[in-house]
C-alpha atoms as a PDB file:
ATOM      1  CA  UNK A   1       7.210 -20.397   8.852  1.00  0.00           C
ATOM      2  CA  UNK A   2       7.490 -22.714   5.870  1.00  0.00           C
ATOM      3  CA  UNK A   3       4.449 -24.553   4.522  1.00  0.00           C
ATOM      4  CA  UNK A   4       6.635 -27.423   3.402  1.00  0.00           C
ATOM      5  CA  UNK A   5       6.251 -30.802   5.049  1.00  0.00           C
ATOM      6  CA  UNK A   6       8.194 -34.010   4.464  1.00  0.00           C
ATOM      7  CA  UNK A   7       6.229 -37.249   4.098  1.00  0.00           C
ATOM      8  CA  UNK A   8       7.820 -40.693   3.942  1.00  0.00           C
ATOM      9  CA  UNK A   9       6.122 -43.796   2.505  1.00  0.00           C
ATOM     10  CA  UNK A  10       7.653 -47.154   3.458  1.00  0.00           C
ATOM     11  CA  UNK A  11       6.767 -49.784   0.877  1.00  0.00           C
ATOM     12  CA  UNK A  12       7.362 -53.448   1.675  1.00  0.00           C
ATOM     13  CA  UNK A  13       5.583 -56.792   1.651  1.00  0.00           C
ATOM     14  CA  UNK A  14       5.187 -58.043   5.224  1.00  0.00           C
ATOM     15  CA  UNK A  15       6.085 -61.601   6.007  1.00  0.00           C
ATOM     16  CA  UNK A  16       2.990 -63.700   6.856  1.00  0.00           C
ATOM     17  CA  UNK A  17       2.309 -63.864  10.618  1.00  0.00           C
ATOM     18  CA  UNK A  18       5.819 -62.668  11.478  1.00  0.00           C
ATOM     19  CA  UNK A  19       4.594 -59.835  13.671  1.00  0.00           C
ATOM     20  CA  UNK A  20       7.787 -59.122  15.569  1.00  0.00           C
ATOM     21  CA  UNK A  21       9.987 -59.360  12.487  1.00  0.00           C
ATOM     22  CA  UNK A  22       7.708 -57.065  10.517  1.00  0.00           C
ATOM     23  CA  UNK A  23       7.701 -54.610  13.381  1.00  0.00           C
ATOM     24  CA  UNK A  24      11.517 -54.597  13.404  1.00  0.00           C
ATOM     25  CA  UNK A  25      11.430 -53.675   9.684  1.00  0.00           C
ATOM     26  CA  UNK A  26       8.958 -50.903  10.352  1.00  0.00           C
ATOM     27  CA  UNK A  27      10.883 -49.585  13.340  1.00  0.00           C
ATOM     28  CA  UNK A  28      13.978 -49.257  11.130  1.00  0.00           C
ATOM     29  CA  UNK A  29      11.998 -47.206   8.634  1.00  0.00           C
ATOM     30  CA  UNK A  30      10.510 -45.005  11.339  1.00  0.00           C
ATOM     31  CA  UNK A  31      13.896 -44.328  12.977  1.00  0.00           C
ATOM     32  CA  UNK A  32      15.467 -43.535   9.585  1.00  0.00           C
ATOM     33  CA  UNK A  33      12.645 -41.130   8.712  1.00  0.00           C
ATOM     34  CA  UNK A  34      12.889 -39.418  12.083  1.00  0.00           C
ATOM     35  CA  UNK A  35      16.680 -39.091  11.839  1.00  0.00           C
ATOM     36  CA  UNK A  36      16.257 -37.289   8.535  1.00  0.00           C
ATOM     37  CA  UNK A  37      13.776 -34.832   9.953  1.00  0.00           C
ATOM     38  CA  UNK A  38      10.669 -36.102   8.200  1.00  0.00           C
ATOM     39  CA  UNK A  39       7.324 -34.979   9.569  1.00  0.00           C
ATOM     40  CA  UNK A  40       5.252 -38.034   8.845  1.00  0.00           C
ATOM     41  CA  UNK A  41       5.788 -41.670   7.900  1.00  0.00           C
ATOM     42  CA  UNK A  42       3.128 -44.037   6.505  1.00  0.00           C
ATOM     43  CA  UNK A  43       3.297 -47.852   6.480  1.00  0.00           C
ATOM     44  CA  UNK A  44       1.223 -50.318   4.365  1.00  0.00           C
ATOM     45  CA  UNK A  45      -2.028 -52.106   5.148  1.00  0.00           C
ATOM     46  CA  UNK A  46      -1.680 -55.401   7.073  1.00  0.00           C
ATOM     47  CA  UNK A  47       1.909 -54.382   7.795  1.00  0.00           C
ATOM     48  CA  UNK A  48       2.437 -56.643  10.819  1.00  0.00           C
ATOM     49  CA  UNK A  49       0.550 -59.802   9.860  1.00  0.00           C
ATOM     50  CA  UNK A  50       0.223 -59.815   6.070  1.00  0.00           C
ATOM     51  CA  UNK A  51      -3.193 -60.951   4.852  1.00  0.00           C
ATOM     52  CA  UNK A  52      -3.664 -64.690   5.431  1.00  0.00           C
ATOM     53  CA  UNK A  53      -7.086 -64.873   7.157  1.00  0.00           C
ATOM     54  CA  UNK A  54      -7.614 -68.564   6.371  1.00  0.00           C
ATOM     55  CA  UNK A  55      -4.493 -69.535   8.299  1.00  0.00           C
ATOM     56  CA  UNK A  56      -5.426 -70.807  11.734  1.00  0.00           C
ATOM     57  CA  UNK A  57      -2.674 -68.692  13.282  1.00  0.00           C
ATOM     58  CA  UNK A  58      -3.979 -65.425  11.884  1.00  0.00           C
ATOM     59  CA  UNK A  59      -6.304 -64.736  14.848  1.00  0.00           C
ATOM     60  CA  UNK A  60      -3.472 -64.941  17.396  1.00  0.00           C
ATOM     61  CA  UNK A  61      -1.190 -62.866  15.187  1.00  0.00           C
ATOM     62  CA  UNK A  62      -3.841 -60.168  14.989  1.00  0.00           C
ATOM     63  CA  UNK A  63      -4.333 -60.183  18.725  1.00  0.00           C
ATOM     64  CA  UNK A  64      -0.569 -59.888  19.131  1.00  0.00           C
ATOM     65  CA  UNK A  65      -0.367 -57.007  16.659  1.00  0.00           C
ATOM     66  CA  UNK A  66      -2.743 -54.862  18.707  1.00  0.00           C
ATOM     67  CA  UNK A  67      -0.136 -54.725  21.482  1.00  0.00           C
ATOM     68  CA  UNK A  68       2.350 -53.139  19.096  1.00  0.00           C
ATOM     69  CA  UNK A  69       0.298 -49.973  18.759  1.00  0.00           C
ATOM     70  CA  UNK A  70       1.725 -48.666  22.060  1.00  0.00           C
ATOM     71  CA  UNK A  71       5.210 -49.228  20.664  1.00  0.00           C
ATOM     72  CA  UNK A  72       4.377 -46.961  17.737  1.00  0.00           C
ATOM     73  CA  UNK A  73       3.019 -44.411  20.181  1.00  0.00           C
ATOM     74  CA  UNK A  74       6.305 -44.498  22.039  1.00  0.00           C
ATOM     75  CA  UNK A  75       8.255 -44.032  18.774  1.00  0.00           C
ATOM     76  CA  UNK A  76       6.081 -41.088  17.771  1.00  0.00           C
ATOM     77  CA  UNK A  77       6.594 -39.471  21.158  1.00  0.00           C
ATOM     78  CA  UNK A  78      10.338 -40.179  21.515  1.00  0.00           C
ATOM     79  CA  UNK A  79      11.347 -39.490  17.890  1.00  0.00           C
ATOM     80  CA  UNK A  80       8.950 -36.548  17.375  1.00  0.00           C
ATOM     81  CA  UNK A  81       7.411 -37.891  14.174  1.00  0.00           C
ATOM     82  CA  UNK A  82       3.819 -38.483  13.102  1.00  0.00           C
ATOM     83  CA  UNK A  83       3.203 -42.186  12.354  1.00  0.00           C
ATOM     84  CA  UNK A  84       0.456 -43.953  10.432  1.00  0.00           C
ATOM     85  CA  UNK A  85       1.350 -47.605  11.135  1.00  0.00           C
ATOM     86  CA  UNK A  86      -0.526 -49.123   8.199  1.00  0.00           C
ATOM     87  CA  UNK A  87      -3.464 -51.099   9.523  1.00  0.00           C
ATOM     88  CA  UNK A  88      -3.989 -53.718  12.201  1.00  0.00           C
ATOM     89  CA  UNK A  89      -6.851 -56.234  12.365  1.00  0.00           C
ATOM     90  CA  UNK A  90      -8.740 -56.125  15.641  1.00  0.00           C
ATOM     91  CA  UNK A  91     -10.504 -59.410  16.399  1.00  0.00           C
ATOM     92  CA  UNK A  92     -14.240 -59.121  17.164  1.00  0.00           C
ATOM     93  CA  UNK A  93     -16.142 -61.635  19.257  1.00  0.00           C
ATOM     94  CA  UNK A  94     -19.075 -63.243  17.464  1.00  0.00           C
ATOM     95  CA  UNK A  95     -22.221 -64.216  19.325  1.00  0.00           C
ATOM     96  CA  UNK A  96     -22.478 -67.610  17.625  1.00  0.00           C
ATOM     97  CA  UNK A  97     -18.910 -68.609  18.297  1.00  0.00           C
ATOM     98  CA  UNK A  98     -18.242 -68.945  14.572  1.00  0.00           C
ATOM     99  CA  UNK A  99     -15.123 -68.091  12.614  1.00  0.00           C
ATOM    100  CA  UNK A 100     -13.217 -64.972  13.752  1.00  0.00           C
ATOM    101  CA  UNK A 101     -14.133 -61.608  12.286  1.00  0.00           C
ATOM    102  CA  UNK A 102     -12.043 -58.437  12.358  1.00  0.00           C
ATOM    103  CA  UNK A 103     -12.113 -54.679  12.165  1.00  0.00           C
ATOM    104  CA  UNK A 104      -9.320 -53.407   9.869  1.00  0.00           C
ATOM    105  CA  UNK A 105      -8.113 -50.216  11.559  1.00  0.00           C
ATOM    106  CA  UNK A 106      -5.726 -47.381  10.795  1.00  0.00           C
ATOM    107  CA  UNK A 107      -4.401 -44.765  13.259  1.00  0.00           C
ATOM    108  CA  UNK A 108      -2.337 -41.617  13.235  1.00  0.00           C
ATOM    109  CA  UNK A 109      -0.106 -41.144  16.283  1.00  0.00           C
ATOM    110  CA  UNK A 110       1.019 -37.590  16.931  1.00  0.00           C
ATOM    111  CA  UNK A 111       4.601 -36.379  16.838  1.00  0.00           C
ATOM    112  CA  UNK A 112       6.040 -35.581  20.258  1.00  0.00           C
ATOM    113  CA  UNK A 113       3.029 -36.910  22.173  1.00  0.00           C
ATOM    114  CA  UNK A 114       2.188 -40.346  20.766  1.00  0.00           C
ATOM    115  CA  UNK A 115      -1.455 -39.484  21.228  1.00  0.00           C
ATOM    116  CA  UNK A 116      -4.118 -40.882  18.896  1.00  0.00           C
ATOM    117  CA  UNK A 117      -4.880 -37.940  16.632  1.00  0.00           C
ATOM    118  CA  UNK A 118      -7.386 -39.967  14.639  1.00  0.00           C
ATOM    119  CA  UNK A 119      -8.455 -43.481  13.671  1.00  0.00           C
ATOM    120  CA  UNK A 120     -10.471 -45.147  10.957  1.00  0.00           C
ATOM    121  CA  UNK A 121     -12.044 -48.569  10.395  1.00  0.00           C
ATOM    122  CA  UNK A 122     -12.215 -49.711   6.778  1.00  0.00           C
ATOM    123  CA  UNK A 123     -15.659 -49.332   5.179  1.00  0.00           C
ATOM    124  CA  UNK A 124     -15.312 -50.347   1.552  1.00  0.00           C
ATOM    125  CA  UNK A 125     -14.116 -53.954   1.515  1.00  0.00           C
ATOM    126  CA  UNK A 126     -12.461 -55.769  -1.373  1.00  0.00           C
ATOM    127  CA  UNK A 127     -14.599 -58.766  -2.314  1.00  0.00           C
ATOM    128  CA  UNK A 128     -12.182 -61.364  -0.817  1.00  0.00           C
ATOM    129  CA  UNK A 129     -12.227 -59.516   2.521  1.00  0.00           C
ATOM    130  CA  UNK A 130     -15.959 -59.555   3.035  1.00  0.00           C
ATOM    131  CA  UNK A 131     -16.131 -62.964   4.675  1.00  0.00           C
ATOM    132  CA  UNK A 132     -13.469 -61.940   7.207  1.00  0.00           C
ATOM    133  CA  UNK A 133     -13.835 -58.217   7.934  1.00  0.00           C
ATOM    134  CA  UNK A 134     -16.644 -56.189   9.455  1.00  0.00           C
ATOM    135  CA  UNK A 135     -17.316 -52.875   7.741  1.00  0.00           C
ATOM    136  CA  UNK A 136     -17.743 -49.714   9.795  1.00  0.00           C
ATOM    137  CA  UNK A 137     -20.840 -47.555   9.513  1.00  0.00           C
ATOM    138  CA  UNK A 138     -19.672 -44.400  11.301  1.00  0.00           C
ATOM    139  CA  UNK A 139     -19.295 -41.211   9.242  1.00  0.00           C
ATOM    140  CA  UNK A 140     -15.957 -40.397   7.592  1.00  0.00           C
ATOM    141  CA  UNK A 141     -14.317 -37.726   9.739  1.00  0.00           C
ATOM    142  CA  UNK A 142     -11.099 -35.724   9.482  1.00  0.00           C
ATOM    143  CA  UNK A 143      -9.043 -34.626  12.496  1.00  0.00           C
ATOM    144  CA  UNK A 144      -6.480 -31.999  13.553  1.00  0.00           C
ATOM    145  CA  UNK A 145      -2.750 -32.805  13.627  1.00  0.00           C
ATOM    146  CA  UNK A 146       0.448 -31.057  14.703  1.00  0.00           C
ATOM    147  CA  UNK A 147       1.226 -30.301  11.044  1.00  0.00           C
ATOM    148  CA  UNK A 148       0.738 -26.672  10.100  1.00  0.00           C
ATOM    149  CA  UNK A 149       0.641 -24.293   7.166  1.00  0.00           C
ATOM    150  CA  UNK A 150       3.166 -21.490   7.074  1.00  0.00           C
ATOM    151  CA  UNK A 151       0.652 -19.107   8.684  1.00  0.00           C
ATOM    152  CA  UNK A 152       0.072 -21.511  11.563  1.00  0.00           C
ATOM    153  CA  UNK A 153      -3.227 -22.954  10.285  1.00  0.00           C
ATOM    154  CA  UNK A 154      -3.595 -26.567  11.482  1.00  0.00           C
ATOM    155  CA  UNK A 155      -3.535 -29.283   8.843  1.00  0.00           C
ATOM    156  CA  UNK A 156      -6.486 -31.611   9.009  1.00  0.00           C
ATOM    157  CA  UNK A 157      -6.003 -35.221   7.958  1.00  0.00           C
ATOM    158  CA  UNK A 158      -8.350 -37.986   6.858  1.00  0.00           C
ATOM    159  CA  UNK A 159      -7.650 -41.711   6.818  1.00  0.00           C
ATOM    160  CA  UNK A 160      -8.891 -44.203   4.227  1.00  0.00           C
ATOM    161  CA  UNK A 161      -7.773 -47.761   3.455  1.00  0.00           C
ATOM    162  CA  UNK A 162      -6.992 -49.456   0.102  1.00  0.00           C
ATOM    163  CA  UNK A 163     -10.220 -50.127  -1.804  1.00  0.00           C
ATOM    164  CA  UNK A 164     -11.725 -46.891  -0.504  1.00  0.00           C
ATOM    165  CA  UNK A 165      -9.597 -45.268  -3.228  1.00  0.00           C
ATOM    166  CA  UNK A 166     -11.964 -46.640  -5.895  1.00  0.00           C
ATOM    167  CA  UNK A 167     -14.862 -44.491  -4.707  1.00  0.00           C
ATOM    168  CA  UNK A 168     -15.071 -40.667  -4.745  1.00  0.00           C
ATOM    169  CA  UNK A 169     -17.635 -40.512  -1.913  1.00  0.00           C
ATOM    170  CA  UNK A 170     -15.256 -41.159   1.033  1.00  0.00           C
ATOM    171  CA  UNK A 171     -13.023 -38.355  -0.190  1.00  0.00           C
ATOM    172  CA  UNK A 172     -15.952 -35.976  -0.530  1.00  0.00           C
ATOM    173  CA  UNK A 173     -16.950 -36.815   3.043  1.00  0.00           C
ATOM    174  CA  UNK A 174     -13.441 -36.120   4.343  1.00  0.00           C
ATOM    175  CA  UNK A 175     -13.042 -32.770   2.584  1.00  0.00           C
ATOM    176  CA  UNK A 176     -16.544 -32.058   3.868  1.00  0.00           C
ATOM    177  CA  UNK A 177     -14.920 -32.225   7.275  1.00  0.00           C
ATOM    178  CA  UNK A 178     -11.999 -30.044   6.242  1.00  0.00           C
ATOM    179  CA  UNK A 179      -9.362 -32.634   5.298  1.00  0.00           C
ATOM    180  CA  UNK A 180      -6.226 -31.172   3.679  1.00  0.00           C
ATOM    181  CA  UNK A 181      -4.275 -34.421   3.505  1.00  0.00           C
ATOM    182  CA  UNK A 182      -5.780 -37.875   2.949  1.00  0.00           C
ATOM    183  CA  UNK A 183      -3.645 -40.907   3.877  1.00  0.00           C
ATOM    184  CA  UNK A 184      -4.310 -44.380   2.441  1.00  0.00           C
ATOM    185  CA  UNK A 185      -2.447 -47.499   3.662  1.00  0.00           C
ATOM    186  CA  UNK A 186      -3.030 -50.235   1.097  1.00  0.00           C
ATOM    187  CA  UNK A 187      -2.698 -53.931   0.180  1.00  0.00           C
ATOM    188  CA  UNK A 188      -3.110 -53.715  -3.633  1.00  0.00           C
ATOM    189  CA  UNK A 189      -1.309 -56.012  -6.067  1.00  0.00           C
ATOM    190  CA  UNK A 190      -0.537 -56.202  -9.757  1.00  0.00           C
ATOM    191  CA  UNK A 191      -2.761 -59.278 -10.217  1.00  0.00           C
ATOM    192  CA  UNK A 192      -5.884 -57.710  -8.718  1.00  0.00           C
ATOM    193  CA  UNK A 193      -7.456 -57.204 -12.160  1.00  0.00           C
ATOM    194  CA  UNK A 194      -7.751 -61.006 -12.386  1.00  0.00           C
ATOM    195  CA  UNK A 195      -6.325 -63.322 -15.013  1.00  0.00           C
ATOM    196  CA  UNK A 196      -8.399 -61.934 -17.831  1.00  0.00           C
ATOM    197  CA  UNK A 197      -7.637 -58.329 -16.906  1.00  0.00           C
ATOM    198  CA  UNK A 198      -3.947 -59.059 -16.470  1.00  0.00           C
ATOM    199  CA  UNK A 199      -3.869 -60.670 -19.896  1.00  0.00           C
ATOM    200  CA  UNK A 200      -5.406 -57.575 -21.463  1.00  0.00           C
ATOM    201  CA  UNK A 201      -3.024 -55.192 -19.701  1.00  0.00           C
ATOM    202  CA  UNK A 202      -0.383 -56.419 -17.201  1.00  0.00           C
ATOM    203  CA  UNK A 203       0.142 -52.761 -16.210  1.00  0.00           C
ATOM    204  CA  UNK A 204      -3.490 -52.118 -15.418  1.00  0.00           C
ATOM    205  CA  UNK A 205      -3.137 -51.762 -11.621  1.00  0.00           C
ATOM    206  CA  UNK A 206      -0.320 -49.239 -11.908  1.00  0.00           C
ATOM    207  CA  UNK A 207      -2.488 -47.277 -14.333  1.00  0.00           C
ATOM    208  CA  UNK A 208      -5.504 -47.591 -12.000  1.00  0.00           C
ATOM    209  CA  UNK A 209      -3.563 -46.405  -8.944  1.00  0.00           C
ATOM    210  CA  UNK A 210      -1.739 -43.534 -10.603  1.00  0.00           C
ATOM    211  CA  UNK A 211      -4.917 -42.361 -12.329  1.00  0.00           C
ATOM    212  CA  UNK A 212      -7.076 -42.627  -9.206  1.00  0.00           C
ATOM    213  CA  UNK A 213      -4.642 -40.934  -6.821  1.00  0.00           C
ATOM    214  CA  UNK A 214      -4.084 -38.096  -9.308  1.00  0.00           C
ATOM    215  CA  UNK A 215      -7.827 -37.685  -9.909  1.00  0.00           C
ATOM    216  CA  UNK A 216      -8.640 -37.711  -6.168  1.00  0.00           C
ATOM    217  CA  UNK A 217      -5.993 -35.051  -5.534  1.00  0.00           C
ATOM    218  CA  UNK A 218      -7.379 -32.737  -8.205  1.00  0.00           C
ATOM    219  CA  UNK A 219     -11.100 -33.247  -7.574  1.00  0.00           C
ATOM    220  CA  UNK A 220     -10.701 -32.715  -3.813  1.00  0.00           C
ATOM    221  CA  UNK A 221      -7.855 -30.138  -3.790  1.00  0.00           C
ATOM    222  CA  UNK A 222      -6.097 -32.355  -1.235  1.00  0.00           C
ATOM    223  CA  UNK A 223      -2.764 -34.107  -0.895  1.00  0.00           C
ATOM    224  CA  UNK A 224      -3.108 -37.886  -1.339  1.00  0.00           C
ATOM    225  CA  UNK A 225      -0.599 -40.114   0.454  1.00  0.00           C
ATOM    226  CA  UNK A 226      -0.869 -43.713  -0.753  1.00  0.00           C
ATOM    227  CA  UNK A 227       1.388 -46.355   0.838  1.00  0.00           C
ATOM    228  CA  UNK A 228       0.957 -49.811  -0.722  1.00  0.00           C
ATOM    229  CA  UNK A 229       2.502 -53.174   0.165  1.00  0.00           C
ATOM    230  CA  UNK A 230       2.260 -54.278  -3.471  1.00  0.00           C
ATOM    231  CA  UNK A 231       3.989 -51.314  -5.082  1.00  0.00           C
ATOM    232  CA  UNK A 232       3.226 -48.019  -6.780  1.00  0.00           C
ATOM    233  CA  UNK A 233       3.100 -46.001  -3.541  1.00  0.00           C
ATOM    234  CA  UNK A 234       2.817 -42.284  -4.153  1.00  0.00           C
ATOM    235  CA  UNK A 235       2.345 -38.798  -2.787  1.00  0.00           C
ATOM    236  CA  UNK A 236       0.237 -36.652  -5.099  1.00  0.00           C
ATOM    237  CA  UNK A 237      -0.832 -33.005  -5.175  1.00  0.00           C
ATOM    238  CA  UNK A 238      -3.389 -31.138  -7.237  1.00  0.00           C
ATOM    239  CA  UNK A 239      -1.757 -28.899  -9.845  1.00  0.00           C
ATOM    240  CA  UNK A 240       1.507 -30.880  -9.528  1.00  0.00           C
ATOM    241  CA  UNK A 241       0.464 -34.508  -9.865  1.00  0.00           C
ATOM    242  CA  UNK A 242       2.665 -37.264  -8.345  1.00  0.00           C
ATOM    243  CA  UNK A 243       5.513 -35.796  -6.279  1.00  0.00           C
ATOM    244  CA  UNK A 244       6.758 -39.316  -5.502  1.00  0.00           C
ATOM    245  CA  UNK A 245       5.810 -42.370  -7.567  1.00  0.00           C
ATOM    246  CA  UNK A 246       7.414 -45.687  -6.554  1.00  0.00           C
ATOM    247  CA  UNK A 247       7.707 -48.804  -8.646  1.00  0.00           C
ATOM    248  CA  UNK A 248       7.567 -52.383  -7.335  1.00  0.00           C
ATOM    249  CA  UNK A 249      10.783 -52.239  -5.283  1.00  0.00           C
ATOM    250  CA  UNK A 250      10.712 -52.230  -1.526  1.00  0.00           C
ATOM    251  CA  UNK A 251      12.060 -49.208   0.285  1.00  0.00           C
ATOM    252  CA  UNK A 252      11.266 -45.780   1.603  1.00  0.00           C
ATOM    253  CA  UNK A 253      10.754 -42.634  -0.452  1.00  0.00           C
ATOM    254  CA  UNK A 254      10.134 -39.094   0.785  1.00  0.00           C
ATOM    255  CA  UNK A 255       8.126 -36.305  -0.719  1.00  0.00           C
ATOM    256  CA  UNK A 256       8.585 -32.733   0.360  1.00  0.00           C
ATOM    257  CA  UNK A 257       5.306 -30.976  -0.421  1.00  0.00           C
ATOM    258  CA  UNK A 258       4.326 -27.329  -0.237  1.00  0.00           C
ATOM    259  CA  UNK A 259       0.917 -27.060   1.404  1.00  0.00           C
ATOM    260  CA  UNK A 260       0.420 -23.705  -0.298  1.00  0.00           C
ATOM    261  CA  UNK A 261      -0.186 -25.731  -3.482  1.00  0.00           C
ATOM    262  CA  UNK A 262      -3.482 -26.834  -1.915  1.00  0.00           C
ATOM    263  CA  UNK A 263      -4.534 -23.232  -1.413  1.00  0.00           C
ATOM    264  CA  UNK A 264      -3.636 -22.398  -5.020  1.00  0.00           C
ATOM    265  CA  UNK A 265      -5.662 -25.369  -6.295  1.00  0.00           C
ATOM    266  CA  UNK A 266      -8.710 -24.514  -4.178  1.00  0.00           C
ATOM    267  CA  UNK A 267      -8.581 -20.797  -4.965  1.00  0.00           C
ATOM    268  CA  UNK A 268      -8.781 -21.661  -8.659  1.00  0.00           C
ATOM    269  CA  UNK A 269     -11.050 -24.729  -8.767  1.00  0.00           C
ATOM    270  CA  UNK A 270     -13.283 -23.727  -5.794  1.00  0.00           C
ATOM    271  CA  UNK A 271     -14.384 -27.311  -5.291  1.00  0.00           C
ATOM    272  CA  UNK A 272     -15.219 -26.926  -1.626  1.00  0.00           C
ATOM    273  CA  UNK A 273     -17.514 -23.903  -1.784  1.00  0.00           C
ATOM    274  CA  UNK A 274     -19.379 -25.553  -4.622  1.00  0.00           C
ATOM    275  CA  UNK A 275     -20.062 -28.566  -2.423  1.00  0.00           C
ATOM    276  CA  UNK A 276     -22.019 -26.405   0.015  1.00  0.00           C
ATOM    277  CA  UNK A 277     -23.502 -23.901  -2.407  1.00  0.00           C
ATOM    278  CA  UNK A 278     -26.666 -25.860  -3.018  1.00  0.00           C
ATOM    279  CA  UNK A 279     -26.254 -25.308  -6.737  1.00  0.00           C
ATOM    280  CA  UNK A 280     -24.925 -28.772  -7.518  1.00  0.00           C
ATOM    281  CA  UNK A 281     -27.126 -31.627  -8.649  1.00  0.00           C
ATOM    282  CA  UNK A 282     -25.576 -34.054  -6.140  1.00  0.00           C
ATOM    283  CA  UNK A 283     -25.848 -34.392  -2.398  1.00  0.00           C
ATOM    284  CA  UNK A 284     -22.591 -34.313  -0.458  1.00  0.00           C
ATOM    285  CA  UNK A 285     -21.661 -34.117   3.202  1.00  0.00           C
ATOM    286  CA  UNK A 286     -21.528 -30.318   3.210  1.00  0.00           C
ATOM    287  CA  UNK A 287     -25.092 -30.085   1.852  1.00  0.00           C
ATOM    288  CA  UNK A 288     -26.579 -32.267   4.580  1.00  0.00           C
ATOM    289  CA  UNK A 289     -25.623 -30.202   7.599  1.00  0.00           C
ATOM    290  CA  UNK A 290     -22.113 -31.555   8.171  1.00  0.00           C
ATOM    291  CA  UNK A 291     -19.534 -28.754   8.539  1.00  0.00           C
ATOM    292  CA  UNK A 292     -17.315 -28.133   5.536  1.00  0.00           C
ATOM    293  CA  UNK A 293     -14.328 -25.857   6.099  1.00  0.00           C
ATOM    294  CA  UNK A 294     -12.468 -24.456   3.104  1.00  0.00           C
ATOM    295  CA  UNK A 295      -8.704 -24.280   3.121  1.00  0.00           C
ATOM    296  CA  UNK A 296      -9.034 -20.734   1.802  1.00  0.00           C
ATOM    297  CA  UNK A 297      -8.600 -18.249   4.623  1.00  0.00           C
END
């Protein structure tokens, strides 16, 4: 059995509040990926609603978007493809009846079954999100999928969202739970460095994203799948670096990755055993009683 898997990233800017139209775009990408035999497709953060939380219609659009999750489950089941449908904002009732608040949630629906293999609620919020989103306090956990190594070993996946990329700790927690592949839907734009930062280097966010995804792949011996509405989506491996690196154009790109590369990286760098050895100066998930499974067998 081959250890190669094919991963598609669909990069596009969703139209504000146009839930049905955005879904139609995504459905086209999903069907195209499935027809070409891809194993997994990832969509961007806020892919059905865009991010317009101050618009009075955003609440209803978010409520509407929740109902589309079952459609993705049907697509995953009928087309036999794993789907990470970006993120959806789940409205949360507030006790004081104030302005709406939301959980920003990502899911992975399993190929052939449509079952929820895993889900994640965004923890590390970008500063403009903090007045609208509620952060999650549950531990970062990985989960089993239908993806497999050539020897039949199950591939474990972890989910993160956008600004989580800026911090090494979520990745450490996920590999502490055995993650082989870490998937990151994102809403990250060229102007996010601010006017002063953009004036210093208009290319700063591309540099940030490519540097961070490459670093996270190497320092965690994991595949990093980054799908961004604002461009620079990528699939990155340790040893190899970016397998796919998109520009600003909309579209779908596919990376065929060899999971054995992860074994090679871990067998040489031995990051994961070091995390539980007790010899490091820093506390990580594996040193506090949480299970940490190495990808070395």
